């Protein structure tokens, strides 16, 4: 793994492991910077932690990379869980029809 030792990434992965007993897996065989978190029963992912180009989301900021955490859940539950995490993570929610 190249950059998964970033403190914020470690905080997220530790939180998910401690709270739910789930460790992330590497979903892409040639990529060691992204993690998928999957339900234990059906193996569908509920969270995807990916390394992205900062300027795709913040074009006015300097170049660089950042981790983005994509969570599949009720938006209210996501905000409750993120608020309980020991790090601050900017969140943008996309809600698709019911």
C-alpha atoms as a PDB file:
ATOM      1  CA  UNK A   1       0.000   0.000   0.000  1.00  0.00           C
ATOM      2  CA  UNK A   2       1.357   3.378  -0.934  1.00  0.00           C
ATOM      3  CA  UNK A   3      -0.572   6.127   0.816  1.00  0.00           C
ATOM      4  CA  UNK A   4      -3.128   4.421   3.022  1.00  0.00           C
ATOM      5  CA  UNK A   5      -1.054   5.344   6.065  1.00  0.00           C
ATOM      6  CA  UNK A   6      -2.420   8.926   6.024  1.00  0.00           C
ATOM      7  CA  UNK A   7      -3.746   9.718   9.549  1.00  0.00           C
ATOM      8  CA  UNK A   8      -7.295  10.543   8.380  1.00  0.00           C
ATOM      9  CA  UNK A   9      -7.454   7.289   6.396  1.00  0.00           C
ATOM     10  CA  UNK A  10      -6.199   5.351   9.407  1.00  0.00           C
ATOM     11  CA  UNK A  11      -8.871   7.016  11.568  1.00  0.00           C
ATOM     12  CA  UNK A  12     -11.665   6.024   9.157  1.00  0.00           C
ATOM     13  CA  UNK A  13     -10.469   2.448   8.706  1.00  0.00           C
ATOM     14  CA  UNK A  14      -9.954   2.006  12.458  1.00  0.00           C
ATOM     15  CA  UNK A  15     -13.421   3.404  13.196  1.00  0.00           C
ATOM     16  CA  UNK A  16     -15.102   1.022  10.716  1.00  0.00           C
ATOM     17  CA  UNK A  17     -13.108  -1.952  12.010  1.00  0.00           C
ATOM     18  CA  UNK A  18     -13.759  -1.173  15.679  1.00  0.00           C
ATOM     19  CA  UNK A  19     -17.450  -0.304  15.237  1.00  0.00           C
ATOM     20  CA  UNK A  20     -18.480  -2.923  12.641  1.00  0.00           C
ATOM     21  CA  UNK A  21     -15.664  -5.493  12.581  1.00  0.00           C
ATOM     22  CA  UNK A  22     -15.030  -4.885   8.874  1.00  0.00           C
ATOM     23  CA  UNK A  23     -11.709  -4.271   7.169  1.00  0.00           C
ATOM     24  CA  UNK A  24     -11.414  -2.673   3.760  1.00  0.00           C
ATOM     25  CA  UNK A  25     -10.328  -4.638   0.728  1.00  0.00           C
ATOM     26  CA  UNK A  26      -8.549  -3.528  -2.421  1.00  0.00           C
ATOM     27  CA  UNK A  27     -11.270  -3.523  -5.108  1.00  0.00           C
ATOM     28  CA  UNK A  28      -8.958  -2.824  -8.044  1.00  0.00           C
ATOM     29  CA  UNK A  29      -6.103  -5.255  -8.654  1.00  0.00           C
ATOM     30  CA  UNK A  30      -3.685  -2.598  -9.929  1.00  0.00           C
ATOM     31  CA  UNK A  31      -4.541   0.086  -7.365  1.00  0.00           C
ATOM     32  CA  UNK A  32      -3.295   0.144  -3.788  1.00  0.00           C
ATOM     33  CA  UNK A  33      -4.763   3.519  -2.778  1.00  0.00           C
ATOM     34  CA  UNK A  34      -8.489   2.693  -2.720  1.00  0.00           C
ATOM     35  CA  UNK A  35     -10.468   0.610  -0.233  1.00  0.00           C
ATOM     36  CA  UNK A  36     -13.940  -0.920  -0.392  1.00  0.00           C
ATOM     37  CA  UNK A  37     -15.879  -1.711   2.776  1.00  0.00           C
ATOM     38  CA  UNK A  38     -18.406  -4.518   2.245  1.00  0.00           C
ATOM     39  CA  UNK A  39     -21.364  -5.962   4.103  1.00  0.00           C
ATOM     40  CA  UNK A  40     -20.361  -9.333   5.529  1.00  0.00           C
ATOM     41  CA  UNK A  41     -23.523 -11.128   4.403  1.00  0.00           C
ATOM     42  CA  UNK A  42     -23.841 -10.140   0.733  1.00  0.00           C
ATOM     43  CA  UNK A  43     -20.387  -8.638   0.005  1.00  0.00           C
ATOM     44  CA  UNK A  44     -21.956  -5.489  -1.525  1.00  0.00           C
ATOM     45  CA  UNK A  45     -19.980  -2.389  -0.667  1.00  0.00           C
ATOM     46  CA  UNK A  46     -21.333   0.242   1.697  1.00  0.00           C
ATOM     47  CA  UNK A  47     -18.269   2.458   1.624  1.00  0.00           C
ATOM     48  CA  UNK A  48     -15.574   3.280  -0.883  1.00  0.00           C
ATOM     49  CA  UNK A  49     -12.481   5.256   0.093  1.00  0.00           C
ATOM     50  CA  UNK A  50     -10.754   6.549  -3.033  1.00  0.00           C
ATOM     51  CA  UNK A  51      -7.814   8.803  -3.812  1.00  0.00           C
ATOM     52  CA  UNK A  52      -8.816  11.625  -6.186  1.00  0.00           C
ATOM     53  CA  UNK A  53      -7.353  14.776  -7.694  1.00  0.00           C
ATOM     54  CA  UNK A  54      -8.244  17.694  -5.365  1.00  0.00           C
ATOM     55  CA  UNK A  55      -8.872  20.093  -8.213  1.00  0.00           C
ATOM     56  CA  UNK A  56     -11.783  17.984  -9.512  1.00  0.00           C
ATOM     57  CA  UNK A  57     -13.763  19.116  -6.453  1.00  0.00           C
ATOM     58  CA  UNK A  58     -11.944  22.308  -5.450  1.00  0.00           C
ATOM     59  CA  UNK A  59     -10.683  23.913  -8.703  1.00  0.00           C
ATOM     60  CA  UNK A  60      -9.462  27.072  -6.961  1.00  0.00           C
ATOM     61  CA  UNK A  61      -7.173  25.216  -4.579  1.00  0.00           C
ATOM     62  CA  UNK A  62      -3.622  24.081  -5.217  1.00  0.00           C
ATOM     63  CA  UNK A  63      -3.011  20.796  -6.982  1.00  0.00           C
ATOM     64  CA  UNK A  64      -2.773  17.633  -4.971  1.00  0.00           C
ATOM     65  CA  UNK A  65      -4.648  14.527  -3.966  1.00  0.00           C
ATOM     66  CA  UNK A  66      -7.249  13.842  -1.317  1.00  0.00           C
ATOM     67  CA  UNK A  67      -9.246  10.889  -0.120  1.00  0.00           C
ATOM     68  CA  UNK A  68     -12.976  10.832  -0.753  1.00  0.00           C
ATOM     69  CA  UNK A  69     -15.252   8.586   1.298  1.00  0.00           C
ATOM     70  CA  UNK A  70     -18.381   7.493  -0.555  1.00  0.00           C
ATOM     71  CA  UNK A  71     -20.948   5.941   1.800  1.00  0.00           C
ATOM     72  CA  UNK A  72     -24.143   4.120   0.839  1.00  0.00           C
ATOM     73  CA  UNK A  73     -26.681   4.805   3.558  1.00  0.00           C
ATOM     74  CA  UNK A  74     -29.524   7.023   4.665  1.00  0.00           C
ATOM     75  CA  UNK A  75     -28.110  10.612   4.518  1.00  0.00           C
ATOM     76  CA  UNK A  76     -29.195  11.320   8.118  1.00  0.00           C
ATOM     77  CA  UNK A  77     -27.381   8.225   9.355  1.00  0.00           C
ATOM     78  CA  UNK A  78     -24.263   9.199   7.406  1.00  0.00           C
ATOM     79  CA  UNK A  79     -24.136  12.627   9.027  1.00  0.00           C
ATOM     80  CA  UNK A  80     -24.557  11.076  12.487  1.00  0.00           C
ATOM     81  CA  UNK A  81     -21.733   8.610  11.855  1.00  0.00           C
ATOM     82  CA  UNK A  82     -19.376  11.170  10.316  1.00  0.00           C
ATOM     83  CA  UNK A  83     -19.972  13.521  13.251  1.00  0.00           C
ATOM     84  CA  UNK A  84     -18.900  10.701  15.611  1.00  0.00           C
ATOM     85  CA  UNK A  85     -15.616  10.089  13.771  1.00  0.00           C
ATOM     86  CA  UNK A  86     -12.432  11.545  15.262  1.00  0.00           C
ATOM     87  CA  UNK A  87     -11.584  13.471  12.063  1.00  0.00           C
ATOM     88  CA  UNK A  88     -13.352  16.144  10.056  1.00  0.00           C
ATOM     89  CA  UNK A  89     -14.341  14.997   6.596  1.00  0.00           C
ATOM     90  CA  UNK A  90     -16.038  17.294   4.069  1.00  0.00           C
ATOM     91  CA  UNK A  91     -19.207  15.604   2.868  1.00  0.00           C
ATOM     92  CA  UNK A  92     -21.294  16.174  -0.231  1.00  0.00           C
ATOM     93  CA  UNK A  93     -24.406  14.044  -0.377  1.00  0.00           C
ATOM     94  CA  UNK A  94     -26.116  12.909  -3.553  1.00  0.00           C
ATOM     95  CA  UNK A  95     -29.568  11.505  -2.987  1.00  0.00           C
ATOM     96  CA  UNK A  96     -31.253   9.601  -5.782  1.00  0.00           C
ATOM     97  CA  UNK A  97     -34.994   8.813  -5.842  1.00  0.00           C
ATOM     98  CA  UNK A  98     -36.448   6.294  -3.462  1.00  0.00           C
END
